[in-house]
Amino acid sequence: MNDSMGDNDPSSFIVIDSMNDHGAITVQPVDGHATYHVVDYEDGTTRERLASLTEGAQIRMSVERAGVRANVWKATKLVAGSAKPTPVRV
């Protein structure tokens, strides 16, 4: 994984685990197999928007490393209108 996915180059992610009580959400790139544990947010609005997503939802955003720990990330930019709800299974 790179130290940054690039503020100017948002990627599409799928929510693997919804935000937990500690404010962490786990996402996976739509076109990859890596997981990103997002634990920090650009601002309160970014955090609230990600907190509203459930498992399986999709979002376009940029992330960058949050400190020196192994797999923790900061959501730095969300693409407006990019959240797709969890598909309904029949």
N, C-alpha and C. Protein backbone atom coordinates (compact mmCIF):
# COMPACT_ATOMS: atom_id res chain seq x y z
N MET A 1 0.83 -1.18 0.00
CA MET A 1 0.00 0.00 0.00
C MET A 1 0.87 1.24 0.00
N ASN A 2 0.43 2.24 -0.69
CA ASN A 2 1.14 3.51 -0.72
C ASN A 2 0.85 4.28 0.56
N ASP A 3 1.70 5.29 0.85
CA ASP A 3 1.46 6.15 1.99
C ASP A 3 0.25 7.04 1.77
N SER A 4 -0.11 7.25 0.53
CA SER A 4 -1.26 8.08 0.20
C SER A 4 -1.89 7.58 -1.08
N MET A 5 -3.21 7.57 -1.11
CA MET A 5 -3.91 7.22 -2.34
C MET A 5 -4.11 8.49 -3.16
N GLY A 6 -3.74 9.66 -2.63
CA GLY A 6 -3.78 10.91 -3.39
C GLY A 6 -5.04 11.71 -3.20
N ASP A 7 -4.92 12.93 -2.67
CA ASP A 7 -6.08 13.78 -2.48
C ASP A 7 -6.76 14.12 -3.79
N ASN A 8 -6.00 14.15 -4.90
CA ASN A 8 -6.58 14.50 -6.19
C ASN A 8 -7.02 13.28 -6.97
N ASP A 9 -6.87 12.12 -6.40
CA ASP A 9 -7.20 10.89 -7.11
C ASP A 9 -8.03 9.97 -6.22
N PRO A 10 -9.30 10.34 -5.95
CA PRO A 10 -10.14 9.49 -5.11
C PRO A 10 -10.33 8.10 -5.73
N SER A 11 -10.46 7.11 -4.88
CA SER A 11 -10.68 5.74 -5.31
C SER A 11 -12.03 5.27 -4.78
N SER A 12 -12.58 4.24 -5.41
CA SER A 12 -13.84 3.66 -4.96
C SER A 12 -13.56 2.56 -3.94
N PHE A 13 -14.30 2.61 -2.83
CA PHE A 13 -14.15 1.64 -1.76
C PHE A 13 -15.49 1.02 -1.42
N ILE A 14 -15.45 -0.21 -0.91
CA ILE A 14 -16.62 -0.89 -0.38
C ILE A 14 -16.44 -0.99 1.13
N VAL A 15 -17.48 -0.70 1.88
CA VAL A 15 -17.43 -0.83 3.34
C VAL A 15 -17.47 -2.31 3.70
N ILE A 16 -16.43 -2.77 4.39
CA ILE A 16 -16.35 -4.16 4.84
C ILE A 16 -16.94 -4.29 6.24
N ASP A 17 -16.58 -3.37 7.14
CA ASP A 17 -17.12 -3.30 8.50
C ASP A 17 -17.54 -1.87 8.77
N SER A 18 -18.79 -1.68 9.15
CA SER A 18 -19.29 -0.35 9.47
C SER A 18 -18.49 0.26 10.62
N MET A 19 -18.64 1.57 10.79
CA MET A 19 -17.89 2.25 11.85
C MET A 19 -18.23 1.66 13.21
N ASN A 20 -17.19 1.35 13.98
CA ASN A 20 -17.39 0.78 15.31
C ASN A 20 -17.44 1.87 16.38
N ASP A 21 -17.56 1.45 17.65
CA ASP A 21 -17.67 2.39 18.76
C ASP A 21 -16.42 3.24 18.96
N HIS A 22 -15.30 2.83 18.38
CA HIS A 22 -14.04 3.57 18.51
C HIS A 22 -13.81 4.50 17.32
N GLY A 23 -14.78 4.55 16.39
CA GLY A 23 -14.67 5.46 15.25
C GLY A 23 -13.87 4.93 14.09
N ALA A 24 -13.66 3.61 14.03
CA ALA A 24 -12.91 3.01 12.93
C ALA A 24 -13.86 2.32 11.96
N ILE A 25 -13.57 2.45 10.69
CA ILE A 25 -14.34 1.79 9.64
C ILE A 25 -13.36 1.05 8.74
N THR A 26 -13.73 -0.14 8.28
CA THR A 26 -12.85 -0.92 7.41
C THR A 26 -13.43 -0.92 6.01
N VAL A 27 -12.58 -0.56 5.05
CA VAL A 27 -13.00 -0.50 3.65
C VAL A 27 -12.02 -1.29 2.79
N GLN A 28 -12.47 -1.62 1.58
CA GLN A 28 -11.64 -2.34 0.62
C GLN A 28 -11.83 -1.67 -0.74
N PRO A 29 -10.73 -1.45 -1.47
CA PRO A 29 -10.89 -0.88 -2.81
C PRO A 29 -11.77 -1.79 -3.68
N VAL A 30 -12.61 -1.20 -4.49
CA VAL A 30 -13.48 -1.98 -5.37
C VAL A 30 -12.66 -2.87 -6.29
N ASP A 31 -11.50 -2.39 -6.72
CA ASP A 31 -10.68 -3.15 -7.67
C ASP A 31 -9.47 -3.82 -7.01
N GLY A 32 -9.54 -4.09 -5.71
CA GLY A 32 -8.39 -4.70 -5.04
C GLY A 32 -8.80 -5.59 -3.89
N HIS A 33 -7.80 -6.17 -3.24
CA HIS A 33 -8.07 -7.08 -2.14
C HIS A 33 -7.54 -6.57 -0.81
N ALA A 34 -6.84 -5.46 -0.78
CA ALA A 34 -6.30 -4.90 0.46
C ALA A 34 -7.45 -4.35 1.30
N THR A 35 -7.23 -4.26 2.60
CA THR A 35 -8.20 -3.60 3.47
C THR A 35 -7.54 -2.38 4.09
N TYR A 36 -8.35 -1.37 4.33
CA TYR A 36 -7.89 -0.12 4.94
C TYR A 36 -8.73 0.11 6.19
N HIS A 37 -8.06 0.30 7.32
CA HIS A 37 -8.74 0.61 8.57
C HIS A 37 -8.68 2.12 8.75
N VAL A 38 -9.77 2.79 8.45
CA VAL A 38 -9.82 4.25 8.51
C VAL A 38 -10.18 4.64 9.95
N VAL A 39 -9.25 5.37 10.60
CA VAL A 39 -9.41 5.73 12.00
C VAL A 39 -9.36 7.23 12.24
N ASP A 40 -9.10 8.01 11.19
CA ASP A 40 -9.01 9.46 11.32
C ASP A 40 -9.72 10.08 10.13
N TYR A 41 -10.21 11.30 10.31
CA TYR A 41 -11.06 11.93 9.30
C TYR A 41 -10.68 13.38 9.13
N GLU A 42 -10.80 13.88 7.91
CA GLU A 42 -10.47 15.27 7.60
C GLU A 42 -11.23 16.25 8.48
N ASP A 43 -12.52 15.92 8.73
CA ASP A 43 -13.35 16.79 9.56
C ASP A 43 -14.56 16.00 10.05
N GLY A 44 -15.39 16.65 10.85
CA GLY A 44 -16.57 16.00 11.41
C GLY A 44 -17.57 15.55 10.36
N THR A 45 -17.70 16.33 9.30
CA THR A 45 -18.63 15.97 8.23
C THR A 45 -18.21 14.68 7.54
N THR A 46 -16.91 14.54 7.30
CA THR A 46 -16.38 13.33 6.67
C THR A 46 -16.65 12.13 7.57
N ARG A 47 -16.39 12.29 8.86
CA ARG A 47 -16.61 11.20 9.81
C ARG A 47 -18.10 10.81 9.86
N GLU A 48 -18.98 11.79 9.94
CA GLU A 48 -20.41 11.52 10.00
C GLU A 48 -20.91 10.81 8.75
N ARG A 49 -20.42 11.25 7.61
CA ARG A 49 -20.86 10.63 6.35
C ARG A 49 -20.43 9.17 6.29
N LEU A 50 -19.18 8.88 6.69
CA LEU A 50 -18.72 7.50 6.69
C LEU A 50 -19.43 6.69 7.77
N ALA A 51 -19.75 7.30 8.90
CA ALA A 51 -20.45 6.59 9.97
C ALA A 51 -21.85 6.16 9.54
N SER A 52 -22.43 6.86 8.57
CA SER A 52 -23.79 6.53 8.12
C SER A 52 -23.82 5.35 7.15
N LEU A 53 -22.66 4.90 6.69
CA LEU A 53 -22.62 3.81 5.71
C LEU A 53 -22.65 2.44 6.40
N THR A 54 -23.31 1.50 5.76
CA THR A 54 -23.38 0.14 6.28
C THR A 54 -22.53 -0.78 5.41
N GLU A 55 -22.31 -1.98 5.90
CA GLU A 55 -21.51 -2.96 5.16
C GLU A 55 -22.06 -3.14 3.74
N GLY A 56 -21.16 -3.14 2.77
CA GLY A 56 -21.54 -3.31 1.37
C GLY A 56 -21.74 -2.01 0.62
N ALA A 57 -21.87 -0.89 1.34
CA ALA A 57 -22.03 0.41 0.68
C ALA A 57 -20.72 0.79 -0.01
N GLN A 58 -20.82 1.62 -1.04
CA GLN A 58 -19.64 2.08 -1.77
C GLN A 58 -19.49 3.58 -1.61
N ILE A 59 -18.23 4.03 -1.61
CA ILE A 59 -17.92 5.46 -1.49
C ILE A 59 -16.64 5.76 -2.25
N ARG A 60 -16.57 6.93 -2.86
CA ARG A 60 -15.31 7.39 -3.49
C ARG A 60 -14.66 8.37 -2.54
N MET A 61 -13.40 8.09 -2.21
CA MET A 61 -12.67 8.96 -1.29
C MET A 61 -11.18 8.80 -1.49
N SER A 62 -10.45 9.72 -0.91
CA SER A 62 -8.99 9.63 -0.85
C SER A 62 -8.61 9.32 0.58
N VAL A 63 -7.55 8.55 0.74
CA VAL A 63 -7.03 8.23 2.07
C VAL A 63 -5.52 8.43 2.09
N GLU A 64 -5.01 8.70 3.29
CA GLU A 64 -3.56 8.80 3.49
C GLU A 64 -3.24 8.15 4.83
N ARG A 65 -2.00 7.74 5.00
CA ARG A 65 -1.60 7.10 6.26
C ARG A 65 -1.90 8.01 7.45
N ALA A 66 -2.36 7.39 8.53
CA ALA A 66 -2.62 8.13 9.78
C ALA A 66 -1.53 7.74 10.77
N GLY A 67 -0.44 8.46 10.73
CA GLY A 67 0.67 8.16 11.63
C GLY A 67 1.56 7.06 11.09
N VAL A 68 2.28 6.42 12.00
CA VAL A 68 3.28 5.44 11.59
C VAL A 68 2.83 4.00 11.80
N ARG A 69 1.66 3.78 12.35
CA ARG A 69 1.18 2.42 12.56
C ARG A 69 0.90 1.75 11.23
N ALA A 70 0.92 0.45 11.26
CA ALA A 70 0.85 -0.36 10.04
C ALA A 70 -0.30 -0.04 9.10
N ASN A 71 -1.51 -0.37 9.43
CA ASN A 71 -2.60 -0.26 8.49
C ASN A 71 -3.71 0.63 9.03
N VAL A 72 -3.37 1.86 9.37
CA VAL A 72 -4.39 2.81 9.78
C VAL A 72 -4.34 4.02 8.86
N TRP A 73 -5.50 4.51 8.50
CA TRP A 73 -5.62 5.52 7.45
C TRP A 73 -6.52 6.67 7.87
N LYS A 74 -6.36 7.80 7.17
CA LYS A 74 -7.18 8.98 7.37
C LYS A 74 -7.94 9.24 6.08
N ALA A 75 -9.26 9.43 6.18
CA ALA A 75 -10.07 9.81 5.03
C ALA A 75 -9.89 11.31 4.83
N THR A 76 -9.33 11.69 3.68
CA THR A 76 -9.01 13.10 3.46
C THR A 76 -9.97 13.81 2.52
N LYS A 77 -10.68 13.07 1.72
CA LYS A 77 -11.58 13.71 0.75
C LYS A 77 -12.65 12.71 0.33
N LEU A 78 -13.90 13.11 0.42
CA LEU A 78 -15.00 12.30 -0.09
C LEU A 78 -15.54 12.98 -1.34
N VAL A 79 -15.92 12.19 -2.31
CA VAL A 79 -16.50 12.73 -3.53
C VAL A 79 -18.00 12.90 -3.30
N ALA A 80 -18.49 14.11 -3.45
CA ALA A 80 -19.89 14.42 -3.21
C ALA A 80 -20.80 13.55 -4.06
N GLY A 81 -21.81 13.01 -3.43
CA GLY A 81 -22.79 12.20 -4.15
C GLY A 81 -22.32 10.82 -4.56
N SER A 82 -21.18 10.38 -4.03
CA SER A 82 -20.64 9.10 -4.49
C SER A 82 -21.09 7.90 -3.66
N ALA A 83 -21.71 8.14 -2.51
CA ALA A 83 -22.09 7.02 -1.66
C ALA A 83 -23.23 6.24 -2.33
N LYS A 84 -23.02 4.94 -2.43
CA LYS A 84 -24.05 4.05 -2.96
C LYS A 84 -24.49 3.16 -1.81
N PRO A 85 -25.79 3.07 -1.59
CA PRO A 85 -26.27 2.27 -0.46
C PRO A 85 -25.97 0.78 -0.65
N THR A 86 -26.10 0.07 0.44
CA THR A 86 -25.93 -1.37 0.41
C THR A 86 -27.00 -1.97 -0.48
N PRO A 87 -26.60 -2.87 -1.40
CA PRO A 87 -27.60 -3.50 -2.26
C PRO A 87 -28.59 -4.33 -1.43
N VAL A 88 -29.84 -4.29 -1.81
CA VAL A 88 -30.88 -5.08 -1.13
C VAL A 88 -30.88 -6.46 -1.75
N ARG A 89 -30.79 -7.48 -0.89
CA ARG A 89 -30.82 -8.87 -1.39
C ARG A 89 -32.23 -9.42 -1.24
N VAL A 90 -32.71 -10.04 -2.30
CA VAL A 90 -34.07 -10.60 -2.30
C VAL A 90 -33.99 -12.10 -2.26
